[in-house]
PDB file of N, CA and C in Angstrom:
ATOM      1  N   MET A   1     -35.305  35.970   9.276  1.00  0.00           N
ATOM      2  CA  MET A   1     -35.344  34.610   9.247  1.00  0.00           C
ATOM      3  C   MET A   1     -35.082  33.677  10.249  1.00  0.00           C
ATOM      4  N   ASN A   2     -35.765  33.494  11.071  1.00  0.00           N
ATOM      5  CA  ASN A   2     -34.630  33.110  12.742  1.00  0.00           C
ATOM      6  C   ASN A   2     -34.793  31.492  12.001  1.00  0.00           C
ATOM      7  N   ARG A   3     -33.052  30.839  11.717  1.00  0.00           N
ATOM      8  CA  ARG A   3     -33.043  29.018  11.762  1.00  0.00           C
ATOM      9  C   ARG A   3     -32.623  28.589  13.123  1.00  0.00           C
ATOM     10  N   CYS A   4     -32.570  29.207  13.811  1.00  0.00           N
ATOM     11  CA  CYS A   4     -31.846  28.369  14.824  1.00  0.00           C
ATOM     12  C   CYS A   4     -33.515  28.277  16.140  1.00  0.00           C
ATOM     13  N   ASN A   5     -33.324  27.227  16.608  1.00  0.00           N
ATOM     14  CA  ASN A   5     -34.139  27.007  17.741  1.00  0.00           C
ATOM     15  C   ASN A   5     -34.129  27.754  18.828  1.00  0.00           C
ATOM     16  N   SER A   6     -34.871  27.697  19.831  1.00  0.00           N
ATOM     17  CA  SER A   6     -34.897  28.271  21.118  1.00  0.00           C
ATOM     18  C   SER A   6     -34.554  27.355  22.014  1.00  0.00           C
ATOM     19  N   PRO A   7     -34.069  27.824  22.968  1.00  0.00           N
ATOM     20  CA  PRO A   7     -33.834  26.822  23.811  1.00  0.00           C
ATOM     21  C   PRO A   7     -35.017  25.929  25.076  1.00  0.00           C
ATOM     22  N   LEU A   8     -36.255  26.583  24.558  1.00  0.00           N
ATOM     23  CA  LEU A   8     -37.063  26.012  24.950  1.00  0.00           C
ATOM     24  C   LEU A   8     -37.775  25.062  23.813  1.00  0.00           C
ATOM     25  N   GLN A   9     -38.187  25.202  22.674  1.00  0.00           N
ATOM     26  CA  GLN A   9     -38.218  24.072  22.013  1.00  0.00           C
ATOM     27  C   GLN A   9     -36.987  22.998  21.603  1.00  0.00           C
ATOM     28  N   ASN A  10     -35.583  23.198  22.137  1.00  0.00           N
ATOM     29  CA  ASN A  10     -34.995  22.037  22.168  1.00  0.00           C
ATOM     30  C   ASN A  10     -35.466  21.518  23.286  1.00  0.00           C
ATOM     31  N   ARG A  11     -35.518  21.978  24.198  1.00  0.00           N
ATOM     32  CA  ARG A  11     -36.060  20.941  25.475  1.00  0.00           C
ATOM     33  C   ARG A  11     -37.369  20.347  25.458  1.00  0.00           C
ATOM     34  N   LEU A  12     -38.348  20.716  24.888  1.00  0.00           N
ATOM     35  CA  LEU A  12     -39.554  20.320  24.637  1.00  0.00           C
ATOM     36  C   LEU A  12     -39.337  19.273  23.199  1.00  0.00           C
ATOM     37  N   LEU A  13     -38.627  19.697  22.461  1.00  0.00           N
ATOM     38  CA  LEU A  13     -38.131  17.796  21.476  1.00  0.00           C
ATOM     39  C   LEU A  13     -37.407  16.946  22.435  1.00  0.00           C
ATOM     40  N   ALA A  14     -36.596  17.366  23.241  1.00  0.00           N
ATOM     41  CA  ALA A  14     -36.126  16.388  23.507  1.00  0.00           C
ATOM     42  C   ALA A  14     -36.714  15.781  24.738  1.00  0.00           C
ATOM     43  N   THR A  15     -37.693  15.878  25.473  1.00  0.00           N
ATOM     44  CA  THR A  15     -38.995  15.731  26.493  1.00  0.00           C
ATOM     45  C   THR A  15     -39.446  14.810  25.676  1.00  0.00           C
ATOM     46  N   LEU A  16     -39.826  14.944  24.468  1.00  0.00           N
ATOM     47  CA  LEU A  16     -41.183  14.211  24.267  1.00  0.00           C
ATOM     48  C   LEU A  16     -40.004  12.876  22.954  1.00  0.00           C
ATOM     49  N   CYS A  17     -38.412  13.253  23.064  1.00  0.00           N
ATOM     50  CA  CYS A  17     -38.169  12.146  22.395  1.00  0.00           C
ATOM     51  C   CYS A  17     -38.034  10.910  23.632  1.00  0.00           C
ATOM     52  N   LEU A  18     -37.960  11.556  24.618  1.00  0.00           N
ATOM     53  CA  LEU A  18     -37.632  10.276  25.868  1.00  0.00           C
ATOM     54  C   LEU A  18     -39.246   9.957  25.991  1.00  0.00           C
ATOM     55  N   ALA A  19     -39.869  10.598  26.197  1.00  0.00           N
ATOM     56  CA  ALA A  19     -41.259  10.336  26.539  1.00  0.00           C
ATOM     57  C   ALA A  19     -41.251   9.336  25.358  1.00  0.00           C
ATOM     58  N   PHE A  20     -41.648   9.379  23.952  1.00  0.00           N
ATOM     59  CA  PHE A  20     -41.385   8.185  22.980  1.00  0.00           C
ATOM     60  C   PHE A  20     -40.989   6.903  23.518  1.00  0.00           C
ATOM     61  N   ALA A  21     -39.364   7.082  23.619  1.00  0.00           N
ATOM     62  CA  ALA A  21     -38.321   6.270  23.704  1.00  0.00           C
ATOM     63  C   ALA A  21     -39.116   5.037  24.711  1.00  0.00           C
ATOM     64  N   GLY A  22     -39.745   5.711  25.813  1.00  0.00           N
ATOM     65  CA  GLY A  22     -39.522   5.321  27.196  1.00  0.00           C
ATOM     66  C   GLY A  22     -41.184   4.786  27.076  1.00  0.00           C
ATOM     67  N   LEU A  23     -42.099   5.437  26.184  1.00  0.00           N
ATOM     68  CA  LEU A  23     -43.172   4.608  25.784  1.00  0.00           C
ATOM     69  C   LEU A  23     -42.780   3.370  24.898  1.00  0.00           C
ATOM     70  N   GLY A  24     -41.779   3.108  23.608  1.00  0.00           N
ATOM     71  CA  GLY A  24     -41.550   2.077  23.158  1.00  0.00           C
ATOM     72  C   GLY A  24     -40.901   1.244  24.070  1.00  0.00           C
ATOM     73  N   GLY A  25     -40.444   1.313  24.676  1.00  0.00           N
ATOM     74  CA  GLY A  25     -39.518   0.553  25.790  1.00  0.00           C
ATOM     75  C   GLY A  25     -40.353  -0.750  26.582  1.00  0.00           C
ATOM     76  N   ALA A  26     -41.853   0.416  26.628  1.00  0.00           N
ATOM     77  CA  ALA A  26     -42.750   0.031  27.791  1.00  0.00           C
ATOM     78  C   ALA A  26     -43.611  -1.850  26.878  1.00  0.00           C
ATOM     79  N   TYR A  27     -43.058  -0.878  25.978  1.00  0.00           N
ATOM     80  CA  TYR A  27     -44.429  -2.509  24.907  1.00  0.00           C
ATOM     81  C   TYR A  27     -43.700  -3.361  24.631  1.00  0.00           C
ATOM     82  N   ALA A  28     -43.570  -4.319  24.843  1.00  0.00           N
ATOM     83  CA  ALA A  28     -42.808  -5.511  24.296  1.00  0.00           C
ATOM     84  C   ALA A  28     -43.014  -6.706  23.700  1.00  0.00           C
ATOM     85  N   PRO A  29     -42.782  -6.862  21.972  1.00  0.00           N
ATOM     86  CA  PRO A  29     -43.875  -7.531  21.315  1.00  0.00           C
ATOM     87  C   PRO A  29     -43.102  -9.180  21.941  1.00  0.00           C
ATOM     88  N   PRO A  30     -44.476 -10.070  21.776  1.00  0.00           N
ATOM     89  CA  PRO A  30     -43.942 -11.532  21.821  1.00  0.00           C
ATOM     90  C   PRO A  30     -42.823 -11.749  21.499  1.00  0.00           C
ATOM     91  N   ALA A  31     -41.761 -12.987  22.142  1.00  0.00           N
ATOM     92  CA  ALA A  31     -40.716 -13.613  21.831  1.00  0.00           C
ATOM     93  C   ALA A  31     -41.114 -14.559  20.597  1.00  0.00           C
ATOM     94  N   ARG A  32     -40.631 -14.231  19.249  1.00  0.00           N
ATOM     95  CA  ARG A  32     -40.931 -15.120  18.435  1.00  0.00           C
ATOM     96  C   ARG A  32     -39.422 -16.628  18.918  1.00  0.00           C
ATOM     97  N   ALA A  33     -38.764 -15.976  19.339  1.00  0.00           N
ATOM     98  CA  ALA A  33     -37.551 -16.906  19.491  1.00  0.00           C
ATOM     99  C   ALA A  33     -37.566 -18.136  20.566  1.00  0.00           C
ATOM    100  N   GLN A  34     -38.864 -17.841  21.038  1.00  0.00           N
ATOM    101  CA  GLN A  34     -38.814 -19.320  22.198  1.00  0.00           C
ATOM    102  C   GLN A  34     -39.847 -20.034  21.447  1.00  0.00           C
ATOM    103  N   ALA A  35     -40.257 -20.306  20.329  1.00  0.00           N
ATOM    104  CA  ALA A  35     -41.451 -21.122  19.694  1.00  0.00           C
ATOM    105  C   ALA A  35     -41.035 -22.609  19.863  1.00  0.00           C
ATOM    106  N   PRO A  36     -41.765 -23.844  19.846  1.00  0.00           N
ATOM    107  CA  PRO A  36     -41.141 -24.961  20.480  1.00  0.00           C
ATOM    108  C   PRO A  36     -40.589 -25.430  19.171  1.00  0.00           C
ATOM    109  N   VAL A  37     -39.383 -26.288  19.455  1.00  0.00           N
ATOM    110  CA  VAL A  37     -38.623 -26.762  18.592  1.00  0.00           C
ATOM    111  C   VAL A  37     -37.888 -27.848  19.162  1.00  0.00           C
ATOM    112  N   GLU A  38     -37.838 -28.827  17.813  1.00  0.00           N
ATOM    113  CA  GLU A  38     -37.413 -30.007  17.968  1.00  0.00           C
ATOM    114  C   GLU A  38     -35.963 -30.046  18.703  1.00  0.00           C
ATOM    115  N   ASN A  39     -35.803 -30.370  19.772  1.00  0.00           N
ATOM    116  CA  ASN A  39     -34.174 -30.262  20.571  1.00  0.00           C
ATOM    117  C   ASN A  39     -32.835 -31.520  20.037  1.00  0.00           C
ATOM    118  N   GLU A  40     -32.279 -31.142  19.418  1.00  0.00           N
ATOM    119  CA  GLU A  40     -31.070 -31.862  18.409  1.00  0.00           C
ATOM    120  C   GLU A  40     -29.409 -30.923  19.291  1.00  0.00           C
ATOM    121  N   ALA A  41     -30.065 -30.331  19.577  1.00  0.00           N
ATOM    122  CA  ALA A  41     -29.338 -29.756  20.518  1.00  0.00           C
ATOM    123  C   ALA A  41     -27.993 -30.800  21.319  1.00  0.00           C
ATOM    124  N   THR A  42     -29.364 -31.516  22.400  1.00  0.00           N
ATOM    125  CA  THR A  42     -28.301 -32.111  22.918  1.00  0.00           C
ATOM    126  C   THR A  42     -27.825 -33.243  22.399  1.00  0.00           C
ATOM    127  N   HIS A  43     -27.899 -33.757  21.073  1.00  0.00           N
ATOM    128  CA  HIS A  43     -26.923 -34.587  20.551  1.00  0.00           C
ATOM    129  C   HIS A  43     -26.100 -33.971  19.780  1.00  0.00           C
ATOM    130  N   GLY A  44     -26.052 -32.501  19.857  1.00  0.00           N
ATOM    131  CA  GLY A  44     -25.097 -31.733  19.236  1.00  0.00           C
ATOM    132  C   GLY A  44     -25.356 -31.151  17.922  1.00  0.00           C
ATOM    133  N   GLY A  45     -26.406 -31.155  17.547  1.00  0.00           N
ATOM    134  CA  GLY A  45     -27.481 -30.411  16.618  1.00  0.00           C
ATOM    135  C   GLY A  45     -27.222 -29.163  16.497  1.00  0.00           C
ATOM    136  N   ARG A  46     -28.848 -28.740  15.655  1.00  0.00           N
ATOM    137  CA  ARG A  46     -28.969 -27.244  15.437  1.00  0.00           C
ATOM    138  C   ARG A  46     -30.218 -27.615  16.305  1.00  0.00           C
ATOM    139  N   ASN A  47     -31.530 -26.511  16.438  1.00  0.00           N
ATOM    140  CA  ASN A  47     -32.642 -26.608  16.721  1.00  0.00           C
ATOM    141  C   ASN A  47     -33.050 -25.903  15.373  1.00  0.00           C
ATOM    142  N   PHE A  48     -34.430 -26.863  14.823  1.00  0.00           N
ATOM    143  CA  PHE A  48     -35.684 -26.557  14.206  1.00  0.00           C
ATOM    144  C   PHE A  48     -36.702 -26.647  14.727  1.00  0.00           C
ATOM    145  N   PRO A  49     -37.413 -25.588  13.813  1.00  0.00           N
ATOM    146  CA  PRO A  49     -38.735 -25.281  14.661  1.00  0.00           C
ATOM    147  C   PRO A  49     -39.691 -26.758  14.182  1.00  0.00           C
ATOM    148  N   ILE A  50     -40.536 -26.811  14.985  1.00  0.00           N
ATOM    149  CA  ILE A  50     -41.452 -28.483  15.101  1.00  0.00           C
ATOM    150  C   ILE A  50     -42.158 -28.510  13.594  1.00  0.00           C
ATOM    151  N   GLY A  51     -41.888 -29.588  12.855  1.00  0.00           N
ATOM    152  CA  GLY A  51     -42.963 -29.574  11.579  1.00  0.00           C
ATOM    153  C   GLY A  51     -42.075 -29.560  10.163  1.00  0.00           C
ATOM    154  N   THR A  52     -40.443 -28.705  10.405  1.00  0.00           N
ATOM    155  CA  THR A  52     -39.705 -28.509   9.431  1.00  0.00           C
ATOM    156  C   THR A  52     -39.758 -29.534   8.748  1.00  0.00           C
ATOM    157  N   LEU A  53     -39.223 -29.550   7.466  1.00  0.00           N
ATOM    158  CA  LEU A  53     -38.956 -30.407   6.530  1.00  0.00           C
ATOM    159  C   LEU A  53     -37.590 -30.834   6.596  1.00  0.00           C
ATOM    160  N   ARG A  54     -36.489 -31.740   6.561  1.00  0.00           N
ATOM    161  CA  ARG A  54     -35.791 -32.349   6.482  1.00  0.00           C
ATOM    162  C   ARG A  54     -35.498 -32.706   5.342  1.00  0.00           C
ATOM    163  N   GLY A  55     -34.183 -32.953   4.716  1.00  0.00           N
ATOM    164  CA  GLY A  55     -33.550 -33.237   2.967  1.00  0.00           C
ATOM    165  C   GLY A  55     -32.367 -34.910   3.462  1.00  0.00           C
ATOM    166  N   LYS A  56     -31.861 -35.527   2.442  1.00  0.00           N
ATOM    167  CA  LYS A  56     -31.107 -36.048   2.658  1.00  0.00           C
ATOM    168  C   LYS A  56     -29.821 -35.619   1.379  1.00  0.00           C
ATOM    169  N   LEU A  57     -29.003 -35.621   1.791  1.00  0.00           N
ATOM    170  CA  LEU A  57     -27.903 -35.160   1.356  1.00  0.00           C
ATOM    171  C   LEU A  57     -26.732 -36.359   1.185  1.00  0.00           C
ATOM    172  N   LEU A  58     -26.565 -36.525   0.136  1.00  0.00           N
ATOM    173  CA  LEU A  58     -25.525 -37.581  -0.267  1.00  0.00           C
ATOM    174  C   LEU A  58     -24.515 -37.038  -1.360  1.00  0.00           C
ATOM    175  N   LEU A  59     -23.322 -37.102  -1.036  1.00  0.00           N
ATOM    176  CA  LEU A  59     -21.875 -36.443  -2.060  1.00  0.00           C
ATOM    177  C   LEU A  59     -21.453 -37.559  -2.443  1.00  0.00           C
ATOM    178  N   VAL A  60     -21.784 -37.394  -3.773  1.00  0.00           N
ATOM    179  CA  VAL A  60     -21.252 -38.338  -4.472  1.00  0.00           C
ATOM    180  C   VAL A  60     -19.909 -38.675  -5.372  1.00  0.00           C
ATOM    181  N   ASN A  61     -19.751 -37.245  -5.658  1.00  0.00           N
ATOM    182  CA  ASN A  61     -18.276 -36.633  -6.085  1.00  0.00           C
ATOM    183  C   ASN A  61     -17.844 -35.602  -5.919  1.00  0.00           C
ATOM    184  N   SER A  62     -17.071 -34.940  -5.516  1.00  0.00           N
ATOM    185  CA  SER A  62     -16.985 -33.676  -4.526  1.00  0.00           C
ATOM    186  C   SER A  62     -17.683 -32.554  -4.706  1.00  0.00           C
ATOM    187  N   PRO A  63     -18.388 -31.248  -6.285  1.00  0.00           N
ATOM    188  CA  PRO A  63     -19.276 -30.723  -6.424  1.00  0.00           C
ATOM    189  C   PRO A  63     -20.527 -31.296  -6.752  1.00  0.00           C
ATOM    190  N   GLU A  64     -20.596 -32.944  -6.896  1.00  0.00           N
ATOM    191  CA  GLU A  64     -21.812 -33.871  -7.418  1.00  0.00           C
ATOM    192  C   GLU A  64     -22.147 -33.966  -6.091  1.00  0.00           C
ATOM    193  N   ILE A  65     -23.877 -33.987  -5.635  1.00  0.00           N
ATOM    194  CA  ILE A  65     -23.974 -34.381  -4.893  1.00  0.00           C
ATOM    195  C   ILE A  65     -25.583 -35.270  -5.320  1.00  0.00           C
ATOM    196  N   LEU A  66     -26.474 -35.583  -4.482  1.00  0.00           N
ATOM    197  CA  LEU A  66     -27.742 -35.827  -4.543  1.00  0.00           C
ATOM    198  C   LEU A  66     -28.586 -35.357  -3.229  1.00  0.00           C
ATOM    199  N   LEU A  67     -29.552 -34.349  -3.635  1.00  0.00           N
ATOM    200  CA  LEU A  67     -30.192 -33.545  -2.621  1.00  0.00           C
ATOM    201  C   LEU A  67     -31.708 -34.632  -2.336  1.00  0.00           C
ATOM    202  N   ASP A  68     -32.209 -35.377  -1.630  1.00  0.00           N
ATOM    203  CA  ASP A  68     -33.251 -36.291  -1.987  1.00  0.00           C
ATOM    204  C   ASP A  68     -33.411 -36.810  -3.127  1.00  0.00           C
ATOM    205  N   GLY A  69     -32.188 -37.133  -3.689  1.00  0.00           N
ATOM    206  CA  GLY A  69     -32.551 -38.293  -4.643  1.00  0.00           C
ATOM    207  C   GLY A  69     -32.493 -37.938  -6.206  1.00  0.00           C
ATOM    208  N   GLN A  70     -32.612 -36.162  -5.888  1.00  0.00           N
ATOM    209  CA  GLN A  70     -32.154 -35.436  -7.719  1.00  0.00           C
ATOM    210  C   GLN A  70     -30.961 -34.711  -7.390  1.00  0.00           C
ATOM    211  N   PRO A  71     -30.310 -34.851  -8.706  1.00  0.00           N
ATOM    212  CA  PRO A  71     -28.455 -34.697  -9.081  1.00  0.00           C
ATOM    213  C   PRO A  71     -28.299 -33.173  -9.045  1.00  0.00           C
ATOM    214  N   GLU A  72     -27.794 -32.570  -7.921  1.00  0.00           N
ATOM    215  CA  GLU A  72     -27.393 -31.304  -7.415  1.00  0.00           C
ATOM    216  C   GLU A  72     -25.988 -31.746  -7.789  1.00  0.00           C
ATOM    217  N   ARG A  73     -25.301 -29.868  -7.606  1.00  0.00           N
ATOM    218  CA  ARG A  73     -24.050 -29.240  -7.878  1.00  0.00           C
ATOM    219  C   ARG A  73     -24.147 -28.620  -6.779  1.00  0.00           C
ATOM    220  N   LEU A  74     -22.515 -28.666  -6.115  1.00  0.00           N
ATOM    221  CA  LEU A  74     -22.440 -27.604  -4.745  1.00  0.00           C
ATOM    222  C   LEU A  74     -21.564 -25.974  -5.356  1.00  0.00           C
ATOM    223  N   ALA A  75     -22.146 -25.317  -4.878  1.00  0.00           N
ATOM    224  CA  ALA A  75     -21.720 -24.027  -5.375  1.00  0.00           C
ATOM    225  C   ALA A  75     -19.787 -24.052  -4.953  1.00  0.00           C
ATOM    226  N   PRO A  76     -19.165 -23.725  -5.765  1.00  0.00           N
ATOM    227  CA  PRO A  76     -17.801 -23.815  -5.244  1.00  0.00           C
ATOM    228  C   PRO A  76     -17.304 -23.030  -3.792  1.00  0.00           C
ATOM    229  N   GLY A  77     -17.812 -22.300  -3.657  1.00  0.00           N
ATOM    230  CA  GLY A  77     -17.649 -21.885  -1.543  1.00  0.00           C
ATOM    231  C   GLY A  77     -19.132 -22.653  -1.112  1.00  0.00           C
ATOM    232  N   ALA A  78     -19.178 -23.439  -1.090  1.00  0.00           N
ATOM    233  CA  ALA A  78     -20.037 -24.230  -0.206  1.00  0.00           C
ATOM    234  C   ALA A  78     -19.323 -24.642   0.693  1.00  0.00           C
ATOM    235  N   ARG A  79     -19.741 -24.680   2.167  1.00  0.00           N
ATOM    236  CA  ARG A  79     -19.008 -25.440   3.002  1.00  0.00           C
ATOM    237  C   ARG A  79     -20.112 -25.946   4.143  1.00  0.00           C
ATOM    238  N   ILE A  80     -19.764 -27.298   4.327  1.00  0.00           N
ATOM    239  CA  ILE A  80     -20.428 -28.100   5.295  1.00  0.00           C
ATOM    240  C   ILE A  80     -19.750 -28.140   6.570  1.00  0.00           C
ATOM    241  N   ARG A  81     -20.838 -28.469   7.573  1.00  0.00           N
ATOM    242  CA  ARG A  81     -20.632 -28.111   8.994  1.00  0.00           C
ATOM    243  C   ARG A  81     -21.168 -29.849   9.339  1.00  0.00           C
ATOM    244  N   SER A  82     -20.627 -29.792  10.200  1.00  0.00           N
ATOM    245  CA  SER A  82     -20.830 -31.113  11.450  1.00  0.00           C
ATOM    246  C   SER A  82     -21.659 -30.995  12.263  1.00  0.00           C
ATOM    247  N   PRO A  83     -22.193 -31.917  12.639  1.00  0.00           N
ATOM    248  CA  PRO A  83     -22.771 -31.296  14.100  1.00  0.00           C
ATOM    249  C   PRO A  83     -22.565 -30.759  15.357  1.00  0.00           C
ATOM    250  N   GLN A  84     -21.113 -30.439  15.445  1.00  0.00           N
ATOM    251  CA  GLN A  84     -20.271 -29.923  16.049  1.00  0.00           C
ATOM    252  C   GLN A  84     -20.239 -28.520  16.152  1.00  0.00           C
ATOM    253  N   ASN A  85     -20.553 -27.955  14.366  1.00  0.00           N
ATOM    254  CA  ASN A  85     -19.960 -26.916  14.299  1.00  0.00           C
ATOM    255  C   ASN A  85     -18.994 -26.632  13.183  1.00  0.00           C
ATOM    256  N   MET A  86     -18.016 -27.588  13.151  1.00  0.00           N
ATOM    257  CA  MET A  86     -16.537 -27.643  12.526  1.00  0.00           C
ATOM    258  C   MET A  86     -16.980 -27.908  10.881  1.00  0.00           C
ATOM    259  N   LEU A  87     -15.998 -27.252  10.215  1.00  0.00           N
ATOM    260  CA  LEU A  87     -16.247 -27.099   8.854  1.00  0.00           C
ATOM    261  C   LEU A  87     -15.607 -28.730   8.571  1.00  0.00           C
ATOM    262  N   MET A  88     -16.253 -29.437   7.417  1.00  0.00           N
ATOM    263  CA  MET A  88     -15.893 -30.610   6.803  1.00  0.00           C
ATOM    264  C   MET A  88     -15.362 -30.573   5.464  1.00  0.00           C
ATOM    265  N   MET A  89     -14.590 -30.735   5.234  1.00  0.00           N
ATOM    266  CA  MET A  89     -14.491 -30.754   3.533  1.00  0.00           C
ATOM    267  C   MET A  89     -15.335 -31.963   2.987  1.00  0.00           C
ATOM    268  N   PRO A  90     -15.927 -31.290   2.041  1.00  0.00           N
ATOM    269  CA  PRO A  90     -16.750 -32.346   0.733  1.00  0.00           C
ATOM    270  C   PRO A  90     -15.958 -33.502   0.585  1.00  0.00           C
ATOM    271  N   ALA A  91     -14.571 -33.601  -0.092  1.00  0.00           N
ATOM    272  CA  ALA A  91     -14.079 -34.895  -0.312  1.00  0.00           C
ATOM    273  C   ALA A  91     -13.890 -35.987   0.923  1.00  0.00           C
ATOM    274  N   ALA A  92     -13.744 -35.122   2.081  1.00  0.00           N
ATOM    275  CA  ALA A  92     -13.981 -36.503   3.748  1.00  0.00           C
ATOM    276  C   ALA A  92     -15.440 -37.104   4.114  1.00  0.00           C
ATOM    277  N   LEU A  93     -16.789 -36.297   2.808  1.00  0.00           N
ATOM    278  CA  LEU A  93     -17.690 -37.097   3.344  1.00  0.00           C
ATOM    279  C   LEU A  93     -18.146 -37.637   2.381  1.00  0.00           C
ATOM    280  N   THR A  94     -17.290 -37.898   0.724  1.00  0.00           N
ATOM    281  CA  THR A  94     -17.975 -38.469  -0.310  1.00  0.00           C
ATOM    282  C   THR A  94     -18.683 -39.903   0.093  1.00  0.00           C
ATOM    283  N   GLY A  95     -19.988 -39.794  -0.067  1.00  0.00           N
ATOM    284  CA  GLY A  95     -20.748 -41.271  -0.103  1.00  0.00           C
ATOM    285  C   GLY A  95     -21.471 -41.377   1.357  1.00  0.00           C
ATOM    286  N   GLN A  96     -21.082 -40.701   2.050  1.00  0.00           N
ATOM    287  CA  GLN A  96     -22.221 -40.628   3.439  1.00  0.00           C
ATOM    288  C   GLN A  96     -23.225 -39.680   3.174  1.00  0.00           C
ATOM    289  N   ASN A  97     -24.663 -40.186   3.797  1.00  0.00           N
ATOM    290  CA  ASN A  97     -25.581 -39.540   3.657  1.00  0.00           C
ATOM    291  C   ASN A  97     -25.893 -38.575   4.587  1.00  0.00           C
ATOM    292  N   LEU A  98     -26.101 -37.388   4.353  1.00  0.00           N
ATOM    293  CA  LEU A  98     -26.302 -37.081   5.454  1.00  0.00           C
ATOM    294  C   LEU A  98     -27.937 -36.045   6.092  1.00  0.00           C
ATOM    295  N   LEU A  99     -28.077 -35.529   7.244  1.00  0.00           N
ATOM    296  CA  LEU A  99     -29.791 -35.277   7.646  1.00  0.00           C
ATOM    297  C   LEU A  99     -29.280 -33.729   7.090  1.00  0.00           C
ATOM    298  N   VAL A 100     -29.929 -33.242   6.438  1.00  0.00           N
ATOM    299  CA  VAL A 100     -29.450 -31.365   6.252  1.00  0.00           C
ATOM    300  C   VAL A 100     -31.569 -31.077   6.698  1.00  0.00           C
TER     301      VAL A 100
END
């Protein structure tokens, strides 16, 4: 029982792998990241796909918030970022309406 491949088998396997890799690289699926977006990046915000539902966030008291008028609580490790992508402390945003 021979467990070692012959050099011919190794070359054939390597050639087939390269051929399939070349064919896989020739086919490029359509780019999904190129979808139209509402361009808020010009104002320092993020890009959202057109038709995305946005919510309103009101920080009542540090863990207590209102999300679209419904009372909720922030998770202990929740991070809130500004439009400039800077970390904001929830206590500093108390009483402010934010678009999320």
